[in-house]
């Protein structure tokens, strides 16, 4: 991972975009990290990044994990039965 000051990244932005293909580039301002450049190779990468940073989606995942911890979840067989029943509606 490379660390670079904002002024340098601004001056050589294209070069840092290329460098981000190898590993993330942490951008600093006054010596403190303020951003990170991460290459997006495929459209799915963008979708994943957007979801990971979406507070509503993260909350939905946390809620689902909590429900599974409390209830024990459902078996794969039960899940498929429910899915088939919902598809038939």
PDB file of N, CA and C in Angstrom:
ATOM      1  N   UNK A   1       0.842  -1.158   0.000  1.00  0.00           N
ATOM      2  CA  UNK A   1       0.000   0.000   0.000  1.00  0.00           C
ATOM      3  C   UNK A   1       0.897   1.234   0.000  1.00  0.00           C
ATOM      4  N   UNK A   2       0.547   2.167  -0.842  1.00  0.00           N
ATOM      5  CA  UNK A   2       1.314   3.415  -0.951  1.00  0.00           C
ATOM      6  C   UNK A   2       0.587   4.509  -0.177  1.00  0.00           C
ATOM      7  N   UNK A   3       1.357   5.405   0.412  1.00  0.00           N
ATOM      8  CA  UNK A   3       0.818   6.563   1.118  1.00  0.00           C
ATOM      9  C   UNK A   3       1.371   7.800   0.440  1.00  0.00           C
ATOM     10  N   UNK A   4       0.495   8.747   0.083  1.00  0.00           N
ATOM     11  CA  UNK A   4       0.946   9.935  -0.642  1.00  0.00           C
ATOM     12  C   UNK A   4       0.181  11.165  -0.173  1.00  0.00           C
ATOM     13  N   UNK A   5       0.865  12.307  -0.123  1.00  0.00           N
ATOM     14  CA  UNK A   5       0.188  13.544   0.258  1.00  0.00           C
ATOM     15  C   UNK A   5      -0.767  14.022  -0.838  1.00  0.00           C
ATOM     16  N   UNK A   6      -1.831  14.669  -0.430  1.00  0.00           N
ATOM     17  CA  UNK A   6      -2.858  15.136  -1.347  1.00  0.00           C
ATOM     18  C   UNK A   6      -2.290  15.992  -2.475  1.00  0.00           C
ATOM     19  N   UNK A   7      -1.390  16.913  -2.163  1.00  0.00           N
ATOM     20  CA  UNK A   7      -0.833  17.792  -3.204  1.00  0.00           C
ATOM     21  C   UNK A   7      -0.152  16.976  -4.301  1.00  0.00           C
ATOM     22  N   UNK A   8       0.568  15.945  -3.916  1.00  0.00           N
ATOM     23  CA  UNK A   8       1.248  15.101  -4.899  1.00  0.00           C
ATOM     24  C   UNK A   8       0.239  14.299  -5.721  1.00  0.00           C
ATOM     25  N   UNK A   9      -0.787  13.789  -5.062  1.00  0.00           N
ATOM     26  CA  UNK A   9      -1.821  13.030  -5.777  1.00  0.00           C
ATOM     27  C   UNK A   9      -2.535  13.941  -6.777  1.00  0.00           C
ATOM     28  N   UNK A  10      -2.823  15.166  -6.376  1.00  0.00           N
ATOM     29  CA  UNK A  10      -3.472  16.119  -7.290  1.00  0.00           C
ATOM     30  C   UNK A  10      -2.594  16.380  -8.508  1.00  0.00           C
ATOM     31  N   UNK A  11      -1.312  16.527  -8.295  1.00  0.00           N
ATOM     32  CA  UNK A  11      -0.395  16.820  -9.396  1.00  0.00           C
ATOM     33  C   UNK A  11      -0.220  15.636 -10.344  1.00  0.00           C
ATOM     34  N   UNK A  12      -0.308  14.424  -9.817  1.00  0.00           N
ATOM     35  CA  UNK A  12      -0.047  13.212 -10.607  1.00  0.00           C
ATOM     36  C   UNK A  12      -1.216  12.232 -10.511  1.00  0.00           C
ATOM     37  N   UNK A  13      -2.425  12.750 -10.595  1.00  0.00           N
ATOM     38  CA  UNK A  13      -3.613  11.928 -10.353  1.00  0.00           C
ATOM     39  C   UNK A  13      -3.660  10.680 -11.233  1.00  0.00           C
ATOM     40  N   UNK A  14      -3.435  10.835 -12.515  1.00  0.00           N
ATOM     41  CA  UNK A  14      -3.485   9.677 -13.425  1.00  0.00           C
ATOM     42  C   UNK A  14      -2.493   8.600 -13.015  1.00  0.00           C
ATOM     43  N   UNK A  15      -1.300   9.021 -12.616  1.00  0.00           N
ATOM     44  CA  UNK A  15      -0.282   8.053 -12.195  1.00  0.00           C
ATOM     45  C   UNK A  15      -0.733   7.305 -10.945  1.00  0.00           C
ATOM     46  N   UNK A  16      -1.365   8.013 -10.019  1.00  0.00           N
ATOM     47  CA  UNK A  16      -1.834   7.346  -8.798  1.00  0.00           C
ATOM     48  C   UNK A  16      -3.023   6.431  -9.073  1.00  0.00           C
ATOM     49  N   UNK A  17      -3.855   6.795 -10.033  1.00  0.00           N
ATOM     50  CA  UNK A  17      -4.935   5.882 -10.439  1.00  0.00           C
ATOM     51  C   UNK A  17      -4.324   4.580 -10.940  1.00  0.00           C
ATOM     52  N   UNK A  18      -3.292   4.680 -11.746  1.00  0.00           N
ATOM     53  CA  UNK A  18      -2.608   3.481 -12.250  1.00  0.00           C
ATOM     54  C   UNK A  18      -1.985   2.696 -11.094  1.00  0.00           C
ATOM     55  N   UNK A  19      -1.358   3.395 -10.162  1.00  0.00           N
ATOM     56  CA  UNK A  19      -0.750   2.711  -9.011  1.00  0.00           C
ATOM     57  C   UNK A  19      -1.797   1.980  -8.177  1.00  0.00           C
ATOM     58  N   UNK A  20      -3.007   2.526  -8.126  1.00  0.00           N
ATOM     59  CA  UNK A  20      -4.060   1.885  -7.324  1.00  0.00           C
ATOM     60  C   UNK A  20      -4.468   0.531  -7.899  1.00  0.00           C
ATOM     61  N   UNK A  21      -4.104   0.259  -9.149  1.00  0.00           N
ATOM     62  CA  UNK A  21      -4.395  -1.062  -9.733  1.00  0.00           C
ATOM     63  C   UNK A  21      -3.548  -2.149  -9.070  1.00  0.00           C
ATOM     64  N   UNK A  22      -2.386  -1.758  -8.556  1.00  0.00           N
ATOM     65  CA  UNK A  22      -1.496  -2.707  -7.880  1.00  0.00           C
ATOM     66  C   UNK A  22      -1.870  -2.878  -6.416  1.00  0.00           C
ATOM     67  N   UNK A  23      -2.164  -1.763  -5.739  1.00  0.00           N
ATOM     68  CA  UNK A  23      -2.586  -1.792  -4.334  1.00  0.00           C
ATOM     69  C   UNK A  23      -3.198  -0.446  -3.993  1.00  0.00           C
ATOM     70  N   UNK A  24      -4.004  -0.392  -2.951  1.00  0.00           N
ATOM     71  CA  UNK A  24      -4.648   0.877  -2.584  1.00  0.00           C
ATOM     72  C   UNK A  24      -3.618   1.975  -2.303  1.00  0.00           C
ATOM     73  N   UNK A  25      -4.024   3.205  -2.560  1.00  0.00           N
ATOM     74  CA  UNK A  25      -3.194   4.373  -2.281  1.00  0.00           C
ATOM     75  C   UNK A  25      -3.918   5.200  -1.223  1.00  0.00           C
ATOM     76  N   UNK A  26      -3.265   5.387  -0.082  1.00  0.00           N
ATOM     77  CA  UNK A  26      -3.820   6.211   0.984  1.00  0.00           C
ATOM     78  C   UNK A  26      -3.374   7.649   0.736  1.00  0.00           C
ATOM     79  N   UNK A  27      -4.351   8.552   0.712  1.00  0.00           N
ATOM     80  CA  UNK A  27      -4.081   9.974   0.487  1.00  0.00           C
ATOM     81  C   UNK A  27      -4.101  10.679   1.842  1.00  0.00           C
ATOM     82  N   UNK A  28      -3.074  11.492   2.078  1.00  0.00           N
ATOM     83  CA  UNK A  28      -2.982  12.190   3.358  1.00  0.00           C
ATOM     84  C   UNK A  28      -3.077  13.704   3.160  1.00  0.00           C
ATOM     85  N   UNK A  29      -3.559  14.365   4.203  1.00  0.00           N
ATOM     86  CA  UNK A  29      -3.549  15.830   4.257  1.00  0.00           C
ATOM     87  C   UNK A  29      -2.958  16.193   5.613  1.00  0.00           C
ATOM     88  N   UNK A  30      -1.909  16.989   5.578  1.00  0.00           N
ATOM     89  CA  UNK A  30      -1.211  17.357   6.814  1.00  0.00           C
ATOM     90  C   UNK A  30      -0.778  16.114   7.594  1.00  0.00           C
ATOM     91  N   UNK A  31      -0.368  15.079   6.857  1.00  0.00           N
ATOM     92  CA  UNK A  31       0.136  13.859   7.476  1.00  0.00           C
ATOM     93  C   UNK A  31      -0.919  12.891   7.978  1.00  0.00           C
ATOM     94  N   UNK A  32      -2.198  13.236   7.817  1.00  0.00           N
ATOM     95  CA  UNK A  32      -3.282  12.362   8.299  1.00  0.00           C
ATOM     96  C   UNK A  32      -4.046  11.760   7.124  1.00  0.00           C
ATOM     97  N   UNK A  33      -4.392  10.485   7.199  1.00  0.00           N
ATOM     98  CA  UNK A  33      -5.135   9.863   6.101  1.00  0.00           C
ATOM     99  C   UNK A  33      -6.523  10.484   5.952  1.00  0.00           C
ATOM    100  N   UNK A  34      -6.889  10.809   4.700  1.00  0.00           N
ATOM    101  CA  UNK A  34      -8.196  11.418   4.444  1.00  0.00           C
ATOM    102  C   UNK A  34      -8.994  10.685   3.367  1.00  0.00           C
ATOM    103  N   UNK A  35      -8.323   9.858   2.577  1.00  0.00           N
ATOM    104  CA  UNK A  35      -9.012   9.143   1.499  1.00  0.00           C
ATOM    105  C   UNK A  35      -8.158   7.963   1.055  1.00  0.00           C
ATOM    106  N   UNK A  36      -8.796   7.104   0.259  1.00  0.00           N
ATOM    107  CA  UNK A  36      -8.065   5.963  -0.291  1.00  0.00           C
ATOM    108  C   UNK A  36      -8.511   5.764  -1.731  1.00  0.00           C
ATOM    109  N   UNK A  37      -7.536   5.562  -2.610  1.00  0.00           N
ATOM    110  CA  UNK A  37      -7.825   5.219  -4.002  1.00  0.00           C
ATOM    111  C   UNK A  37      -7.764   3.705  -4.140  1.00  0.00           C
ATOM    112  N   UNK A  38      -8.842   3.131  -4.642  1.00  0.00           N
ATOM    113  CA  UNK A  38      -8.919   1.685  -4.837  1.00  0.00           C
ATOM    114  C   UNK A  38      -9.376   1.445  -6.269  1.00  0.00           C
ATOM    115  N   UNK A  39      -8.653   0.633  -6.994  1.00  0.00           N
ATOM    116  CA  UNK A  39      -9.010   0.344  -8.382  1.00  0.00           C
ATOM    117  C   UNK A  39     -10.305  -0.459  -8.440  1.00  0.00           C
ATOM    118  N   UNK A  40     -11.094  -0.152  -9.449  1.00  0.00           N
ATOM    119  CA  UNK A  40     -12.317  -0.907  -9.713  1.00  0.00           C
ATOM    120  C   UNK A  40     -12.109  -1.612 -11.041  1.00  0.00           C
ATOM    121  N   UNK A  41     -11.884  -2.907 -10.965  1.00  0.00           N
ATOM    122  CA  UNK A  41     -11.579  -3.683 -12.169  1.00  0.00           C
ATOM    123  C   UNK A  41     -12.846  -4.120 -12.907  1.00  0.00           C
ATOM    124  N   UNK A  42     -13.880  -4.455 -12.139  1.00  0.00           N
ATOM    125  CA  UNK A  42     -15.125  -4.937 -12.731  1.00  0.00           C
ATOM    126  C   UNK A  42     -16.301  -4.222 -12.093  1.00  0.00           C
ATOM    127  N   UNK A  43     -17.404  -4.183 -12.793  1.00  0.00           N
ATOM    128  CA  UNK A  43     -18.593  -3.499 -12.278  1.00  0.00           C
ATOM    129  C   UNK A  43     -19.049  -4.087 -10.946  1.00  0.00           C
ATOM    130  N   UNK A  44     -18.878  -5.393 -10.764  1.00  0.00           N
ATOM    131  CA  UNK A  44     -19.258  -6.025  -9.495  1.00  0.00           C
ATOM    132  C   UNK A  44     -18.451  -5.471  -8.328  1.00  0.00           C
ATOM    133  N   UNK A  45     -17.193  -5.089  -8.595  1.00  0.00           N
ATOM    134  CA  UNK A  45     -16.366  -4.486  -7.548  1.00  0.00           C
ATOM    135  C   UNK A  45     -17.006  -3.200  -7.045  1.00  0.00           C
ATOM    136  N   UNK A  46     -17.509  -2.390  -7.971  1.00  0.00           N
ATOM    137  CA  UNK A  46     -18.148  -1.133  -7.588  1.00  0.00           C
ATOM    138  C   UNK A  46     -19.398  -1.404  -6.757  1.00  0.00           C
ATOM    139  N   UNK A  47     -20.210  -2.352  -7.199  1.00  0.00           N
ATOM    140  CA  UNK A  47     -21.422  -2.696  -6.448  1.00  0.00           C
ATOM    141  C   UNK A  47     -21.073  -3.124  -5.025  1.00  0.00           C
ATOM    142  N   UNK A  48     -20.061  -3.953  -4.888  1.00  0.00           N
ATOM    143  CA  UNK A  48     -19.651  -4.423  -3.560  1.00  0.00           C
ATOM    144  C   UNK A  48     -19.169  -3.278  -2.681  1.00  0.00           C
ATOM    145  N   UNK A  49     -18.355  -2.396  -3.243  1.00  0.00           N
ATOM    146  CA  UNK A  49     -17.856  -1.254  -2.475  1.00  0.00           C
ATOM    147  C   UNK A  49     -18.989  -0.343  -2.027  1.00  0.00           C
ATOM    148  N   UNK A  50     -19.937  -0.099  -2.922  1.00  0.00           N
ATOM    149  CA  UNK A  50     -21.064   0.764  -2.560  1.00  0.00           C
ATOM    150  C   UNK A  50     -21.909   0.145  -1.453  1.00  0.00           C
ATOM    151  N   UNK A  51     -22.142  -1.155  -1.533  1.00  0.00           N
ATOM    152  CA  UNK A  51     -22.929  -1.817  -0.490  1.00  0.00           C
ATOM    153  C   UNK A  51     -22.223  -1.815   0.854  1.00  0.00           C
ATOM    154  N   UNK A  52     -20.939  -2.091   0.856  1.00  0.00           N
ATOM    155  CA  UNK A  52     -20.170  -2.143   2.103  1.00  0.00           C
ATOM    156  C   UNK A  52     -20.200  -0.801   2.826  1.00  0.00           C
ATOM    157  N   UNK A  53     -20.301   0.289   2.067  1.00  0.00           N
ATOM    158  CA  UNK A  53     -20.284   1.622   2.672  1.00  0.00           C
ATOM    159  C   UNK A  53     -21.679   2.238   2.776  1.00  0.00           C
ATOM    160  N   UNK A  54     -22.710   1.428   2.582  1.00  0.00           N
ATOM    161  CA  UNK A  54     -24.086   1.910   2.689  1.00  0.00           C
ATOM    162  C   UNK A  54     -24.611   1.580   4.087  1.00  0.00           C
ATOM    163  N   UNK A  55     -24.813   2.578   4.932  1.00  0.00           N
ATOM    164  CA  UNK A  55     -25.237   2.312   6.317  1.00  0.00           C
ATOM    165  C   UNK A  55     -26.531   1.512   6.407  1.00  0.00           C
ATOM    166  N   UNK A  56     -27.465   1.753   5.514  1.00  0.00           N
ATOM    167  CA  UNK A  56     -28.738   1.010   5.543  1.00  0.00           C
ATOM    168  C   UNK A  56     -28.512  -0.479   5.262  1.00  0.00           C
ATOM    169  N   UNK A  57     -27.676  -0.786   4.265  1.00  0.00           N
ATOM    170  CA  UNK A  57     -27.386  -2.177   3.933  1.00  0.00           C
ATOM    171  C   UNK A  57     -26.648  -2.867   5.082  1.00  0.00           C
ATOM    172  N   UNK A  58     -25.664  -2.170   5.653  1.00  0.00           N
ATOM    173  CA  UNK A  58     -24.904  -2.735   6.777  1.00  0.00           C
ATOM    174  C   UNK A  58     -25.838  -3.021   7.949  1.00  0.00           C
ATOM    175  N   UNK A  59     -26.797  -2.117   8.210  1.00  0.00           N
ATOM    176  CA  UNK A  59     -27.756  -2.337   9.291  1.00  0.00           C
ATOM    177  C   UNK A  59     -28.639  -3.546   9.001  1.00  0.00           C
ATOM    178  N   UNK A  60     -29.076  -3.707   7.748  1.00  0.00           N
ATOM    179  CA  UNK A  60     -29.879  -4.878   7.375  1.00  0.00           C
ATOM    180  C   UNK A  60     -29.117  -6.170   7.636  1.00  0.00           C
ATOM    181  N   UNK A  61     -27.822  -6.189   7.276  1.00  0.00           N
ATOM    182  CA  UNK A  61     -27.004  -7.380   7.531  1.00  0.00           C
ATOM    183  C   UNK A  61     -26.866  -7.648   9.026  1.00  0.00           C
ATOM    184  N   UNK A  62     -26.600  -6.592   9.788  1.00  0.00           N
ATOM    185  CA  UNK A  62     -26.472  -6.750  11.240  1.00  0.00           C
ATOM    186  C   UNK A  62     -27.766  -7.282  11.851  1.00  0.00           C
ATOM    187  N   UNK A  63     -28.899  -6.751  11.402  1.00  0.00           N
ATOM    188  CA  UNK A  63     -30.200  -7.215  11.911  1.00  0.00           C
ATOM    189  C   UNK A  63     -30.416  -8.686  11.571  1.00  0.00           C
ATOM    190  N   UNK A  64     -30.080  -9.065  10.343  1.00  0.00           N
ATOM    191  CA  UNK A  64     -30.254 -10.461   9.923  1.00  0.00           C
ATOM    192  C   UNK A  64     -29.365 -11.391  10.739  1.00  0.00           C
ATOM    193  N   UNK A  65     -28.129 -10.989  10.964  1.00  0.00           N
ATOM    194  CA  UNK A  65     -27.216 -11.820  11.779  1.00  0.00           C
ATOM    195  C   UNK A  65     -27.745 -11.977  13.199  1.00  0.00           C
ATOM    196  N   UNK A  66     -28.292 -10.908  13.750  1.00  0.00           N
ATOM    197  CA  UNK A  66     -28.850 -10.962  15.097  1.00  0.00           C
ATOM    198  C   UNK A  66     -30.040 -11.925  15.143  1.00  0.00           C
ATOM    199  N   UNK A  67     -30.917 -11.862  14.128  1.00  0.00           N
ATOM    200  CA  UNK A  67     -32.069 -12.778  14.080  1.00  0.00           C
ATOM    201  C   UNK A  67     -31.601 -14.229  14.016  1.00  0.00           C
ATOM    202  N   UNK A  68     -30.558 -14.496  13.235  1.00  0.00           N
ATOM    203  CA  UNK A  68     -30.043 -15.864  13.117  1.00  0.00           C
ATOM    204  C   UNK A  68     -29.468 -16.322  14.451  1.00  0.00           C
ATOM    205  N   UNK A  69     -28.754 -15.433  15.143  1.00  0.00           N
ATOM    206  CA  UNK A  69     -28.213 -15.802  16.457  1.00  0.00           C
ATOM    207  C   UNK A  69     -29.334 -16.136  17.442  1.00  0.00           C
ATOM    208  N   UNK A  70     -30.405 -15.379  17.399  1.00  0.00           N
ATOM    209  CA  UNK A  70     -31.506 -15.564  18.349  1.00  0.00           C
ATOM    210  C   UNK A  70     -32.346 -16.793  17.995  1.00  0.00           C
ATOM    211  N   UNK A  71     -32.678 -16.937  16.712  1.00  0.00           N
ATOM    212  CA  UNK A  71     -33.604 -17.997  16.305  1.00  0.00           C
ATOM    213  C   UNK A  71     -32.917 -19.268  15.831  1.00  0.00           C
ATOM    214  N   UNK A  72     -31.640 -19.172  15.517  1.00  0.00           N
ATOM    215  CA  UNK A  72     -30.948 -20.331  14.965  1.00  0.00           C
ATOM    216  C   UNK A  72     -31.109 -20.442  13.463  1.00  0.00           C
ATOM    217  N   UNK A  73     -31.848 -19.517  12.866  1.00  0.00           N
ATOM    218  CA  UNK A  73     -32.030 -19.531  11.416  1.00  0.00           C
ATOM    219  C   UNK A  73     -32.935 -20.663  10.967  1.00  0.00           C
ATOM    220  N   UNK A  74     -32.878 -20.980   9.694  1.00  0.00           N
ATOM    221  CA  UNK A  74     -33.667 -22.079   9.129  1.00  0.00           C
ATOM    222  C   UNK A  74     -32.726 -23.002   8.361  1.00  0.00           C
ATOM    223  N   UNK A  75     -33.133 -24.244   8.240  1.00  0.00           N
ATOM    224  CA  UNK A  75     -32.331 -25.201   7.472  1.00  0.00           C
ATOM    225  C   UNK A  75     -32.436 -24.871   5.988  1.00  0.00           C
ATOM    226  N   UNK A  76     -31.509 -25.389   5.209  1.00  0.00           N
ATOM    227  CA  UNK A  76     -31.547 -25.181   3.769  1.00  0.00           C
ATOM    228  C   UNK A  76     -32.841 -25.755   3.191  1.00  0.00           C
ATOM    229  N   UNK A  77     -33.238 -26.907   3.696  1.00  0.00           N
ATOM    230  CA  UNK A  77     -34.479 -27.543   3.230  1.00  0.00           C
ATOM    231  C   UNK A  77     -35.684 -26.636   3.487  1.00  0.00           C
ATOM    232  N   UNK A  78     -35.752 -26.058   4.678  1.00  0.00           N
ATOM    233  CA  UNK A  78     -36.853 -25.154   5.023  1.00  0.00           C
ATOM    234  C   UNK A  78     -36.798 -23.888   4.169  1.00  0.00           C
ATOM    235  N   UNK A  79     -35.616 -23.369   3.953  1.00  0.00           N
ATOM    236  CA  UNK A  79     -35.452 -22.180   3.113  1.00  0.00           C
ATOM    237  C   UNK A  79     -35.987 -22.447   1.713  1.00  0.00           C
ATOM    238  N   UNK A  80     -35.603 -23.587   1.144  1.00  0.00           N
ATOM    239  CA  UNK A  80     -36.080 -23.933  -0.208  1.00  0.00           C
ATOM    240  C   UNK A  80     -37.592 -24.104  -0.237  1.00  0.00           C
ATOM    241  N   UNK A  81     -38.161 -24.715   0.810  1.00  0.00           N
ATOM    242  CA  UNK A  81     -39.620 -24.888   0.879  1.00  0.00           C
ATOM    243  C   UNK A  81     -40.302 -23.537   0.896  1.00  0.00           C
ATOM    244  N   UNK A  82     -39.791 -22.632   1.690  1.00  0.00           N
ATOM    245  CA  UNK A  82     -40.379 -21.276   1.771  1.00  0.00           C
ATOM    246  C   UNK A  82     -40.223 -20.531   0.446  1.00  0.00           C
ATOM    247  N   UNK A  83     -39.081 -20.685  -0.176  1.00  0.00           N
ATOM    248  CA  UNK A  83     -38.836 -20.044  -1.450  1.00  0.00           C
ATOM    249  C   UNK A  83     -39.798 -20.562  -2.517  1.00  0.00           C
ATOM    250  N   UNK A  84     -39.971 -21.879  -2.557  1.00  0.00           N
ATOM    251  CA  UNK A  84     -40.911 -22.477  -3.520  1.00  0.00           C
ATOM    252  C   UNK A  84     -42.332 -22.002  -3.245  1.00  0.00           C
ATOM    253  N   UNK A  85     -42.699 -21.926  -1.976  1.00  0.00           N
ATOM    254  CA  UNK A  85     -44.058 -21.476  -1.615  1.00  0.00           C
ATOM    255  C   UNK A  85     -44.264 -20.027  -2.037  1.00  0.00           C
ATOM    256  N   UNK A  86     -43.264 -19.177  -1.832  1.00  0.00           N
ATOM    257  CA  UNK A  86     -43.371 -17.776  -2.206  1.00  0.00           C
ATOM    258  C   UNK A  86     -43.445 -17.609  -3.728  1.00  0.00           C
ATOM    259  N   UNK A  87     -42.737 -18.456  -4.458  1.00  0.00           N
ATOM    260  CA  UNK A  87     -42.741 -18.379  -5.916  1.00  0.00           C
ATOM    261  C   UNK A  87     -44.085 -18.801  -6.481  1.00  0.00           C
ATOM    262  N   UNK A  88     -44.789 -19.659  -5.773  1.00  0.00           N
ATOM    263  CA  UNK A  88     -46.079 -20.147  -6.226  1.00  0.00           C
ATOM    264  C   UNK A  88     -47.211 -19.170  -5.973  1.00  0.00           C
ATOM    265  N   UNK A  89     -46.945 -18.140  -5.192  1.00  0.00           N
ATOM    266  CA  UNK A  89     -48.010 -17.166  -4.867  1.00  0.00           C
ATOM    267  C   UNK A  89     -48.312 -16.259  -6.006  1.00  0.00           C
TER     268      UNK A  89
END
